[in-house]
C-alpha atoms as a PDB file:
ATOM      1  CA  UNK A   1      91.349  -8.191  66.874  1.00  0.00           C
ATOM      2  CA  UNK A   2      88.550  -8.638  69.072  1.00  0.00           C
ATOM      3  CA  UNK A   3      85.452  -6.504  68.234  1.00  0.00           C
ATOM      4  CA  UNK A   4      83.015  -5.092  70.822  1.00  0.00           C
ATOM      5  CA  UNK A   5      79.653  -5.409  69.135  1.00  0.00           C
ATOM      6  CA  UNK A   6      78.207  -2.513  71.740  1.00  0.00           C
ATOM      7  CA  UNK A   7      76.278  -0.495  69.293  1.00  0.00           C
ATOM      8  CA  UNK A   8      72.530  -1.034  68.476  1.00  0.00           C
ATOM      9  CA  UNK A   9      71.454  -0.609  64.572  1.00  0.00           C
ATOM     10  CA  UNK A  10      68.429  -1.214  62.614  1.00  0.00           C
ATOM     11  CA  UNK A  11      68.809  -2.183  59.143  1.00  0.00           C
ATOM     12  CA  UNK A  12      65.869  -1.300  56.646  1.00  0.00           C
ATOM     13  CA  UNK A  13      65.088  -1.720  52.923  1.00  0.00           C
ATOM     14  CA  UNK A  14      63.209   0.427  50.536  1.00  0.00           C
ATOM     15  CA  UNK A  15      60.167  -1.255  49.753  1.00  0.00           C
ATOM     16  CA  UNK A  16      57.376   0.086  46.778  1.00  0.00           C
ATOM     17  CA  UNK A  17      54.218  -1.722  46.920  1.00  0.00           C
ATOM     18  CA  UNK A  18      50.778  -0.525  45.477  1.00  0.00           C
ATOM     19  CA  UNK A  19      47.696   0.613  47.305  1.00  0.00           C
ATOM     20  CA  UNK A  20      44.074  -1.020  46.407  1.00  0.00           C
ATOM     21  CA  UNK A  21      43.686   1.761  43.866  1.00  0.00           C
ATOM     22  CA  UNK A  22      47.125   1.097  42.388  1.00  0.00           C
ATOM     23  CA  UNK A  23      48.829   4.123  43.622  1.00  0.00           C
ATOM     24  CA  UNK A  24      52.650   3.415  44.474  1.00  0.00           C
ATOM     25  CA  UNK A  25      53.365   3.313  48.268  1.00  0.00           C
ATOM     26  CA  UNK A  26      56.841   3.774  49.310  1.00  0.00           C
ATOM     27  CA  UNK A  27      57.902   2.623  52.581  1.00  0.00           C
ATOM     28  CA  UNK A  28      60.808   1.153  54.712  1.00  0.00           C
ATOM     29  CA  UNK A  29      60.727  -2.395  56.163  1.00  0.00           C
ATOM     30  CA  UNK A  30      63.099  -3.754  58.860  1.00  0.00           C
ATOM     31  CA  UNK A  31      65.763  -6.366  57.759  1.00  0.00           C
ATOM     32  CA  UNK A  32      67.150  -6.300  61.034  1.00  0.00           C
ATOM     33  CA  UNK A  33      65.703  -4.686  64.240  1.00  0.00           C
ATOM     34  CA  UNK A  34      68.101  -3.678  66.748  1.00  0.00           C
ATOM     35  CA  UNK A  35      71.021  -5.677  66.243  1.00  0.00           C
ATOM     36  CA  UNK A  36      74.168  -5.401  67.939  1.00  0.00           C
ATOM     37  CA  UNK A  37      77.016  -3.830  65.833  1.00  0.00           C
ATOM     38  CA  UNK A  38      80.678  -2.580  66.025  1.00  0.00           C
ATOM     39  CA  UNK A  39      81.074   0.933  64.762  1.00  0.00           C
ATOM     40  CA  UNK A  40      84.178   2.499  63.456  1.00  0.00           C
ATOM     41  CA  UNK A  41      84.014   5.890  62.325  1.00  0.00           C
ATOM     42  CA  UNK A  42      86.391   7.044  59.187  1.00  0.00           C
ATOM     43  CA  UNK A  43      87.368  10.766  58.700  1.00  0.00           C
ATOM     44  CA  UNK A  44      84.611  12.930  57.642  1.00  0.00           C
ATOM     45  CA  UNK A  45      84.541  14.236  53.750  1.00  0.00           C
ATOM     46  CA  UNK A  46      83.547  17.657  52.381  1.00  0.00           C
ATOM     47  CA  UNK A  47      82.610  18.370  48.884  1.00  0.00           C
ATOM     48  CA  UNK A  48      81.847  21.791  47.650  1.00  0.00           C
ATOM     49  CA  UNK A  49      78.770  22.067  45.233  1.00  0.00           C
ATOM     50  CA  UNK A  50      77.720  25.039  43.552  1.00  0.00           C
ATOM     51  CA  UNK A  51      75.133  26.364  45.950  1.00  0.00           C
ATOM     52  CA  UNK A  52      76.423  24.763  49.090  1.00  0.00           C
ATOM     53  CA  UNK A  53      79.028  23.015  50.976  1.00  0.00           C
ATOM     54  CA  UNK A  54      77.958  19.570  52.175  1.00  0.00           C
ATOM     55  CA  UNK A  55      79.416  17.627  54.680  1.00  0.00           C
ATOM     56  CA  UNK A  56      79.116  13.684  55.016  1.00  0.00           C
ATOM     57  CA  UNK A  57      80.437  11.112  57.472  1.00  0.00           C
ATOM     58  CA  UNK A  58      81.587   7.692  56.252  1.00  0.00           C
ATOM     59  CA  UNK A  59      81.411   4.858  58.862  1.00  0.00           C
ATOM     60  CA  UNK A  60      81.836   1.165  58.986  1.00  0.00           C
ATOM     61  CA  UNK A  61      79.335  -1.028  61.016  1.00  0.00           C
ATOM     62  CA  UNK A  62      80.169  -4.673  61.452  1.00  0.00           C
ATOM     63  CA  UNK A  63      77.405  -7.276  62.453  1.00  0.00           C
ATOM     64  CA  UNK A  64      77.138 -10.775  62.699  1.00  0.00           C
ATOM     65  CA  UNK A  65      76.723 -12.337  59.153  1.00  0.00           C
ATOM     66  CA  UNK A  66      73.533 -14.475  60.000  1.00  0.00           C
ATOM     67  CA  UNK A  67      71.607 -11.185  61.421  1.00  0.00           C
ATOM     68  CA  UNK A  68      70.665 -10.709  57.712  1.00  0.00           C
ATOM     69  CA  UNK A  69      68.440 -13.327  56.570  1.00  0.00           C
ATOM     70  CA  UNK A  70      69.690 -14.982  53.403  1.00  0.00           C
ATOM     71  CA  UNK A  71      66.772 -14.011  51.274  1.00  0.00           C
ATOM     72  CA  UNK A  72      67.402 -10.372  51.806  1.00  0.00           C
ATOM     73  CA  UNK A  73      71.485 -10.565  51.099  1.00  0.00           C
ATOM     74  CA  UNK A  74      73.219  -8.979  49.838  1.00  0.00           C
ATOM     75  CA  UNK A  75      72.675  -5.350  51.145  1.00  0.00           C
ATOM     76  CA  UNK A  76      72.570  -2.741  48.195  1.00  0.00           C
ATOM     77  CA  UNK A  77      72.400   1.162  48.322  1.00  0.00           C
ATOM     78  CA  UNK A  78      68.721   0.976  48.232  1.00  0.00           C
ATOM     79  CA  UNK A  79      69.047  -0.293  52.062  1.00  0.00           C
ATOM     80  CA  UNK A  80      69.700   1.955  55.015  1.00  0.00           C
ATOM     81  CA  UNK A  81      70.904   1.974  58.661  1.00  0.00           C
ATOM     82  CA  UNK A  82      69.179   3.662  61.477  1.00  0.00           C
ATOM     83  CA  UNK A  83      71.765   4.600  64.242  1.00  0.00           C
ATOM     84  CA  UNK A  84      71.572   4.785  67.147  1.00  0.00           C
ATOM     85  CA  UNK A  85      68.607   2.559  67.131  1.00  0.00           C
ATOM     86  CA  UNK A  86      67.835   1.785  70.931  1.00  0.00           C
ATOM     87  CA  UNK A  87      64.759   3.837  71.098  1.00  0.00           C
ATOM     88  CA  UNK A  88      63.496   3.419  67.347  1.00  0.00           C
ATOM     89  CA  UNK A  89      60.473   1.359  67.269  1.00  0.00           C
ATOM     90  CA  UNK A  90      59.725  -1.305  64.222  1.00  0.00           C
ATOM     91  CA  UNK A  91      59.421  -0.045  60.834  1.00  0.00           C
ATOM     92  CA  UNK A  92      60.130   3.498  61.666  1.00  0.00           C
ATOM     93  CA  UNK A  93      59.388   5.610  58.520  1.00  0.00           C
ATOM     94  CA  UNK A  94      60.806   8.968  59.533  1.00  0.00           C
ATOM     95  CA  UNK A  95      63.787   8.608  62.202  1.00  0.00           C
ATOM     96  CA  UNK A  96      65.195  11.503  63.919  1.00  0.00           C
ATOM     97  CA  UNK A  97      67.589  13.741  61.749  1.00  0.00           C
ATOM     98  CA  UNK A  98      70.962  12.672  61.687  1.00  0.00           C
ATOM     99  CA  UNK A  99      70.382   8.917  62.225  1.00  0.00           C
ATOM    100  CA  UNK A 100      70.139   7.836  58.687  1.00  0.00           C
ATOM    101  CA  UNK A 101      73.227   6.098  57.188  1.00  0.00           C
ATOM    102  CA  UNK A 102      72.872   5.089  53.418  1.00  0.00           C
ATOM    103  CA  UNK A 103      74.622   1.788  52.740  1.00  0.00           C
ATOM    104  CA  UNK A 104      77.468   2.138  50.213  1.00  0.00           C
ATOM    105  CA  UNK A 105      78.318  -1.438  50.195  1.00  0.00           C
ATOM    106  CA  UNK A 106      78.727  -4.655  52.182  1.00  0.00           C
ATOM    107  CA  UNK A 107      81.126  -7.449  52.367  1.00  0.00           C
ATOM    108  CA  UNK A 108      81.378 -10.686  54.109  1.00  0.00           C
ATOM    109  CA  UNK A 109      84.270 -11.031  56.660  1.00  0.00           C
ATOM    110  CA  UNK A 110      85.671 -14.462  57.402  1.00  0.00           C
ATOM    111  CA  UNK A 111      83.581 -17.334  56.080  1.00  0.00           C
ATOM    112  CA  UNK A 112      80.015 -16.167  56.914  1.00  0.00           C
ATOM    113  CA  UNK A 113      81.180 -14.628  60.284  1.00  0.00           C
ATOM    114  CA  UNK A 114      80.619 -11.212  60.082  1.00  0.00           C
ATOM    115  CA  UNK A 115      79.339  -8.629  57.674  1.00  0.00           C
ATOM    116  CA  UNK A 116      81.264  -5.251  57.203  1.00  0.00           C
ATOM    117  CA  UNK A 117      78.772  -2.616  55.979  1.00  0.00           C
ATOM    118  CA  UNK A 118      80.253   0.723  54.720  1.00  0.00           C
ATOM    119  CA  UNK A 119      77.564   3.598  55.111  1.00  0.00           C
ATOM    120  CA  UNK A 120      77.424   7.234  54.862  1.00  0.00           C
ATOM    121  CA  UNK A 121      75.506   9.865  56.821  1.00  0.00           C
ATOM    122  CA  UNK A 122      74.831  13.417  55.344  1.00  0.00           C
ATOM    123  CA  UNK A 123      75.535  15.642  58.213  1.00  0.00           C
ATOM    124  CA  UNK A 124      73.669  18.610  57.014  1.00  0.00           C
ATOM    125  CA  UNK A 125      70.147  17.252  57.423  1.00  0.00           C
END
């Protein structure tokens, strides 16, 4: 199947550093800025919690394998995807609502050809 890499995403990693006074600083750093991706939505899921109903949207993004530097692989749940990212600047800390997808897992497709990333976006935020 021929994929169309016609969506733009940014992949970020959660980083904790320290200020000069030793206080922890929580930031997001770009692993891959504005890369082409294939986007395939899956049916949304809703779950009931005691106080509210929360809707979630699970999607799969596919990118070229070598887009992620080898030192940053594998992707983990501490990473996130910003989508759409065509108008997002480098190292964005607080993206617009509804654009953050938490990474659930990633797997290699073919022999270092593509990287399939399962991600979930909470649609109530």
